[in-house]
Amino acid sequence: MSECKPTEKSPNSDVNLTSLSSILNLILGAFNIFKTPAIPIPPVLLLVGSKMRPGMSWRNASARAISEFELETGVSMGDVYSDGPNVEASKFKHTFKEMHKEITENMLVETAISPGSIQVIGASPSGPIQASNTGIIISKGGGR
C-alpha cells in the first residue's frame, strides 16, 4: 500500500496532459505505430507455406502457453493431487478453446485488390496479349 501515491501525477513526467497540443501529439503518436508497413512475402512462398501449415489447434496453443508459463514463472501447472485438476491450467485451456472457436466460426477476412494491380501478359498466334483488372476485386473468407 505504501507504493500508492494518489496525490502525485503520472509516473511518466514527459507527458503534459494539461496542454491540448500535447494530448493531440500523444493521440497522433499512437497512430504512427500502424504506419509501419509489413514485410511483403513472395506469393509463391505464401502458396507453398499455406499448404504446409496444419491449421490452428486450441490444444496445441494452450499446451504451449502452459509450458511457457511454467518456464517463465516456475509455477507448476500439473494436477494438484489433493484437489484434482489444476484450475489455472483449466483457465488456459478454456480460454484457448473459446479463442479457437471464435476464429474458426466467426472470423471474417476481407481483402480488396485495387484496379490495375493484376497484370497478365501472354502470347497468341495473333500477337501479344496484355490485360489487367479494371475494377476493385473484393473477397471474403474465414479462418482455419
C-alpha atoms as a PDB file:
ATOM      1  CA  MET A   1       0.000   0.000   0.000  1.00  0.00           C
ATOM      2  CA  SER A   2       2.989   2.315   0.502  1.00  0.00           C
ATOM      3  CA  GLU A   3       3.550   2.380  -3.280  1.00  0.00           C
ATOM      4  CA  CYS A   4       0.165   4.014  -3.937  1.00  0.00           C
ATOM      5  CA  LYS A   5       0.549   7.808  -4.198  1.00  0.00           C
ATOM      6  CA  PRO A   6      -2.806   9.272  -5.278  1.00  0.00           C
ATOM      7  CA  THR A   7      -1.648  12.894  -4.936  1.00  0.00           C
ATOM      8  CA  GLU A   8       1.227  12.567  -7.392  1.00  0.00           C
ATOM      9  CA  LYS A   9       0.941  12.969 -11.144  1.00  0.00           C
ATOM     10  CA  SER A  10       1.557  10.227 -13.665  1.00  0.00           C
ATOM     11  CA  PRO A  11       4.955   8.492 -13.325  1.00  0.00           C
ATOM     12  CA  ASN A  12       5.591   9.406 -16.966  1.00  0.00           C
ATOM     13  CA  SER A  13       6.642  13.020 -16.352  1.00  0.00           C
ATOM     14  CA  ASP A  14       7.381  13.907 -20.014  1.00  0.00           C
ATOM     15  CA  VAL A  15       3.662  13.767 -20.951  1.00  0.00           C
ATOM     16  CA  ASN A  16       1.863  17.012 -20.172  1.00  0.00           C
ATOM     17  CA  LEU A  17      -1.875  16.310 -20.110  1.00  0.00           C
ATOM     18  CA  THR A  18      -2.758  19.946 -19.354  1.00  0.00           C
ATOM     19  CA  SER A  19      -1.964  21.143 -22.873  1.00  0.00           C
ATOM     20  CA  LEU A  20      -4.278  20.413 -25.796  1.00  0.00           C
ATOM     21  CA  SER A  21      -1.350  20.175 -28.238  1.00  0.00           C
ATOM     22  CA  SER A  22       0.449  17.593 -26.097  1.00  0.00           C
ATOM     23  CA  ILE A  23      -2.728  15.495 -25.831  1.00  0.00           C
ATOM     24  CA  LEU A  24      -3.144  15.695 -29.620  1.00  0.00           C
ATOM     25  CA  ASN A  25       0.516  14.690 -30.125  1.00  0.00           C
ATOM     26  CA  LEU A  26       0.005  11.742 -27.780  1.00  0.00           C
ATOM     27  CA  ILE A  27      -3.042  10.541 -29.744  1.00  0.00           C
ATOM     28  CA  LEU A  28      -1.334  11.040 -33.119  1.00  0.00           C
ATOM     29  CA  GLY A  29       1.741   9.201 -31.818  1.00  0.00           C
ATOM     30  CA  ALA A  30      -0.418   6.153 -31.115  1.00  0.00           C
ATOM     31  CA  PHE A  31      -1.438   6.025 -34.789  1.00  0.00           C
ATOM     32  CA  ASN A  32       2.179   6.170 -36.000  1.00  0.00           C
ATOM     33  CA  ILE A  33       2.565   2.552 -34.891  1.00  0.00           C
ATOM     34  CA  PHE A  34       0.219   1.455 -37.674  1.00  0.00           C
ATOM     35  CA  LYS A  35       2.126   3.317 -40.405  1.00  0.00           C
ATOM     36  CA  THR A  36       4.953   0.784 -40.469  1.00  0.00           C
ATOM     37  CA  PRO A  37       4.263  -1.474 -43.464  1.00  0.00           C
ATOM     38  CA  ALA A  38       4.505  -5.214 -43.138  1.00  0.00           C
ATOM     39  CA  ILE A  39       7.351  -7.005 -44.882  1.00  0.00           C
ATOM     40  CA  PRO A  40       5.885  -8.405 -48.117  1.00  0.00           C
ATOM     41  CA  ILE A  41       6.013 -12.185 -48.510  1.00  0.00           C
ATOM     42  CA  PRO A  42       6.534 -13.514 -52.054  1.00  0.00           C
ATOM     43  CA  PRO A  43       3.313 -15.084 -53.434  1.00  0.00           C
ATOM     44  CA  VAL A  44       4.990 -18.423 -54.200  1.00  0.00           C
ATOM     45  CA  LEU A  45       6.163 -18.693 -50.602  1.00  0.00           C
ATOM     46  CA  LEU A  46       2.640 -17.886 -49.393  1.00  0.00           C
ATOM     47  CA  LEU A  47       1.154 -20.652 -51.540  1.00  0.00           C
ATOM     48  CA  VAL A  48       3.698 -23.268 -50.510  1.00  0.00           C
ATOM     49  CA  GLY A  49       3.640 -22.246 -46.850  1.00  0.00           C
ATOM     50  CA  SER A  50      -0.143 -22.275 -46.591  1.00  0.00           C
ATOM     51  CA  LYS A  51      -0.327 -25.895 -47.741  1.00  0.00           C
ATOM     52  CA  MET A  52       2.284 -26.965 -45.180  1.00  0.00           C
ATOM     53  CA  ARG A  53       0.554 -25.437 -42.161  1.00  0.00           C
ATOM     54  CA  PRO A  54      -1.551 -27.836 -40.089  1.00  0.00           C
ATOM     55  CA  GLY A  55      -4.092 -25.203 -39.005  1.00  0.00           C
ATOM     56  CA  MET A  56      -4.799 -23.785 -35.571  1.00  0.00           C
ATOM     57  CA  SER A  57      -5.308 -26.156 -32.649  1.00  0.00           C
ATOM     58  CA  TRP A  58      -6.586 -24.913 -29.313  1.00  0.00           C
ATOM     59  CA  ARG A  59      -4.957 -27.905 -27.579  1.00  0.00           C
ATOM     60  CA  ASN A  60      -1.510 -27.167 -29.017  1.00  0.00           C
ATOM     61  CA  ALA A  61      -1.820 -23.436 -28.317  1.00  0.00           C
ATOM     62  CA  SER A  62      -2.895 -23.932 -24.708  1.00  0.00           C
ATOM     63  CA  ALA A  63      -0.214 -26.592 -24.128  1.00  0.00           C
ATOM     64  CA  ARG A  64       2.487 -24.217 -25.427  1.00  0.00           C
ATOM     65  CA  ALA A  65       1.122 -21.347 -23.304  1.00  0.00           C
ATOM     66  CA  ILE A  66       1.029 -23.510 -20.168  1.00  0.00           C
ATOM     67  CA  SER A  67       4.568 -24.756 -20.843  1.00  0.00           C
ATOM     68  CA  GLU A  68       5.893 -21.212 -21.369  1.00  0.00           C
ATOM     69  CA  PHE A  69       4.076 -20.028 -18.232  1.00  0.00           C
ATOM     70  CA  GLU A  70       5.702 -22.815 -16.202  1.00  0.00           C
ATOM     71  CA  LEU A  71       9.156 -21.991 -17.594  1.00  0.00           C
ATOM     72  CA  GLU A  72       8.899 -18.240 -17.037  1.00  0.00           C
ATOM     73  CA  THR A  73       7.258 -18.223 -13.615  1.00  0.00           C
ATOM     74  CA  GLY A  74       8.328 -21.555 -12.131  1.00  0.00           C
ATOM     75  CA  VAL A  75       4.709 -22.280 -11.178  1.00  0.00           C
ATOM     76  CA  SER A  76       3.726 -25.920 -11.636  1.00  0.00           C
ATOM     77  CA  MET A  77       0.599 -26.286 -13.764  1.00  0.00           C
ATOM     78  CA  GLY A  78       0.143 -30.042 -13.296  1.00  0.00           C
ATOM     79  CA  ASP A  79      -2.711 -31.652 -11.412  1.00  0.00           C
ATOM     80  CA  VAL A  80      -2.946 -30.888  -7.714  1.00  0.00           C
ATOM     81  CA  TYR A  81      -3.289 -34.377  -6.255  1.00  0.00           C
ATOM     82  CA  SER A  82      -5.423 -33.438  -3.272  1.00  0.00           C
ATOM     83  CA  ASP A  83      -7.689 -31.025  -5.191  1.00  0.00           C
ATOM     84  CA  GLY A  84      -7.885 -32.669  -8.633  1.00  0.00           C
ATOM     85  CA  PRO A  85      -7.213 -30.837 -11.926  1.00  0.00           C
ATOM     86  CA  ASN A  86      -5.333 -27.537 -11.766  1.00  0.00           C
ATOM     87  CA  VAL A  87      -7.734 -24.596 -12.032  1.00  0.00           C
ATOM     88  CA  GLU A  88      -5.142 -22.331 -13.677  1.00  0.00           C
ATOM     89  CA  ALA A  89      -4.428 -24.886 -16.400  1.00  0.00           C
ATOM     90  CA  SER A  90      -8.182 -25.236 -16.973  1.00  0.00           C
ATOM     91  CA  LYS A  91      -8.446 -21.464 -17.427  1.00  0.00           C
ATOM     92  CA  PHE A  92      -5.729 -21.590 -20.097  1.00  0.00           C
ATOM     93  CA  LYS A  93      -7.444 -24.465 -21.888  1.00  0.00           C
ATOM     94  CA  HIS A  94     -10.914 -22.892 -21.852  1.00  0.00           C
ATOM     95  CA  THR A  95      -9.568 -19.514 -22.973  1.00  0.00           C
ATOM     96  CA  PHE A  96      -7.758 -21.019 -25.962  1.00  0.00           C
ATOM     97  CA  LYS A  97     -10.735 -23.233 -26.786  1.00  0.00           C
ATOM     98  CA  GLU A  98     -13.038 -20.204 -26.970  1.00  0.00           C
ATOM     99  CA  MET A  99     -10.480 -18.207 -28.979  1.00  0.00           C
ATOM    100  CA  HIS A 100     -10.194 -21.092 -31.448  1.00  0.00           C
ATOM    101  CA  LYS A 101     -13.968 -21.358 -31.694  1.00  0.00           C
ATOM    102  CA  GLU A 102     -14.271 -17.625 -32.350  1.00  0.00           C
ATOM    103  CA  ILE A 103     -11.607 -17.725 -35.076  1.00  0.00           C
ATOM    104  CA  THR A 104     -12.954 -20.811 -36.855  1.00  0.00           C
ATOM    105  CA  GLU A 105     -16.652 -19.931 -36.598  1.00  0.00           C
ATOM    106  CA  ASN A 106     -16.864 -16.144 -36.674  1.00  0.00           C
ATOM    107  CA  MET A 107     -13.662 -14.726 -38.155  1.00  0.00           C
ATOM    108  CA  LEU A 108     -14.019 -12.910 -41.445  1.00  0.00           C
ATOM    109  CA  VAL A 109     -11.051 -11.930 -43.596  1.00  0.00           C
ATOM    110  CA  GLU A 110     -11.830  -9.299 -46.203  1.00  0.00           C
ATOM    111  CA  THR A 111      -9.403  -8.376 -48.961  1.00  0.00           C
ATOM    112  CA  ALA A 112      -9.539  -5.825 -51.740  1.00  0.00           C
ATOM    113  CA  ILE A 113      -7.329  -5.666 -54.821  1.00  0.00           C
ATOM    114  CA  SER A 114      -7.047  -2.219 -56.371  1.00  0.00           C
ATOM    115  CA  PRO A 115      -7.631  -1.676 -60.118  1.00  0.00           C
ATOM    116  CA  GLY A 116      -4.579  -2.251 -62.278  1.00  0.00           C
ATOM    117  CA  SER A 117      -2.657  -4.264 -59.700  1.00  0.00           C
ATOM    118  CA  ILE A 118      -3.135  -7.558 -61.573  1.00  0.00           C
ATOM    119  CA  GLN A 119      -1.195  -7.664 -64.849  1.00  0.00           C
ATOM    120  CA  VAL A 120      -1.395 -10.529 -67.342  1.00  0.00           C
ATOM    121  CA  ILE A 121       0.980 -10.788 -70.287  1.00  0.00           C
ATOM    122  CA  GLY A 122       0.911 -13.619 -72.789  1.00  0.00           C
ATOM    123  CA  ALA A 123       1.293 -14.556 -76.418  1.00  0.00           C
ATOM    124  CA  SER A 124      -1.019 -15.974 -79.053  1.00  0.00           C
ATOM    125  CA  PRO A 125      -0.750 -16.721 -82.787  1.00  0.00           C
ATOM    126  CA  SER A 126      -2.305 -13.317 -83.484  1.00  0.00           C
ATOM    127  CA  GLY A 127       0.223 -11.436 -81.326  1.00  0.00           C
ATOM    128  CA  PRO A 128       0.950 -10.437 -77.761  1.00  0.00           C
ATOM    129  CA  ILE A 129      -1.839 -10.257 -75.172  1.00  0.00           C
ATOM    130  CA  GLN A 130      -1.805  -7.844 -72.278  1.00  0.00           C
ATOM    131  CA  ALA A 131      -4.596  -7.416 -69.738  1.00  0.00           C
ATOM    132  CA  SER A 132      -5.202  -6.011 -66.285  1.00  0.00           C
ATOM    133  CA  ASN A 133      -8.067  -5.787 -63.859  1.00  0.00           C
ATOM    134  CA  THR A 134     -10.157  -2.625 -64.217  1.00  0.00           C
ATOM    135  CA  GLY A 135     -12.400  -2.968 -61.188  1.00  0.00           C
ATOM    136  CA  ILE A 136     -11.885  -3.494 -57.489  1.00  0.00           C
ATOM    137  CA  ILE A 137     -11.755  -7.191 -56.601  1.00  0.00           C
ATOM    138  CA  ILE A 138     -13.211  -7.979 -53.195  1.00  0.00           C
ATOM    139  CA  SER A 139     -13.089 -11.356 -51.476  1.00  0.00           C
ATOM    140  CA  LYS A 140     -14.198 -12.686 -48.122  1.00  0.00           C
ATOM    141  CA  GLY A 141     -13.130 -15.814 -46.293  1.00  0.00           C
ATOM    142  CA  GLY A 142     -12.875 -17.431 -42.912  1.00  0.00           C
ATOM    143  CA  GLY A 143     -10.197 -18.752 -40.605  1.00  0.00           C
ATOM    144  CA  ARG A 144      -8.981 -22.318 -40.231  1.00  0.00           C
END
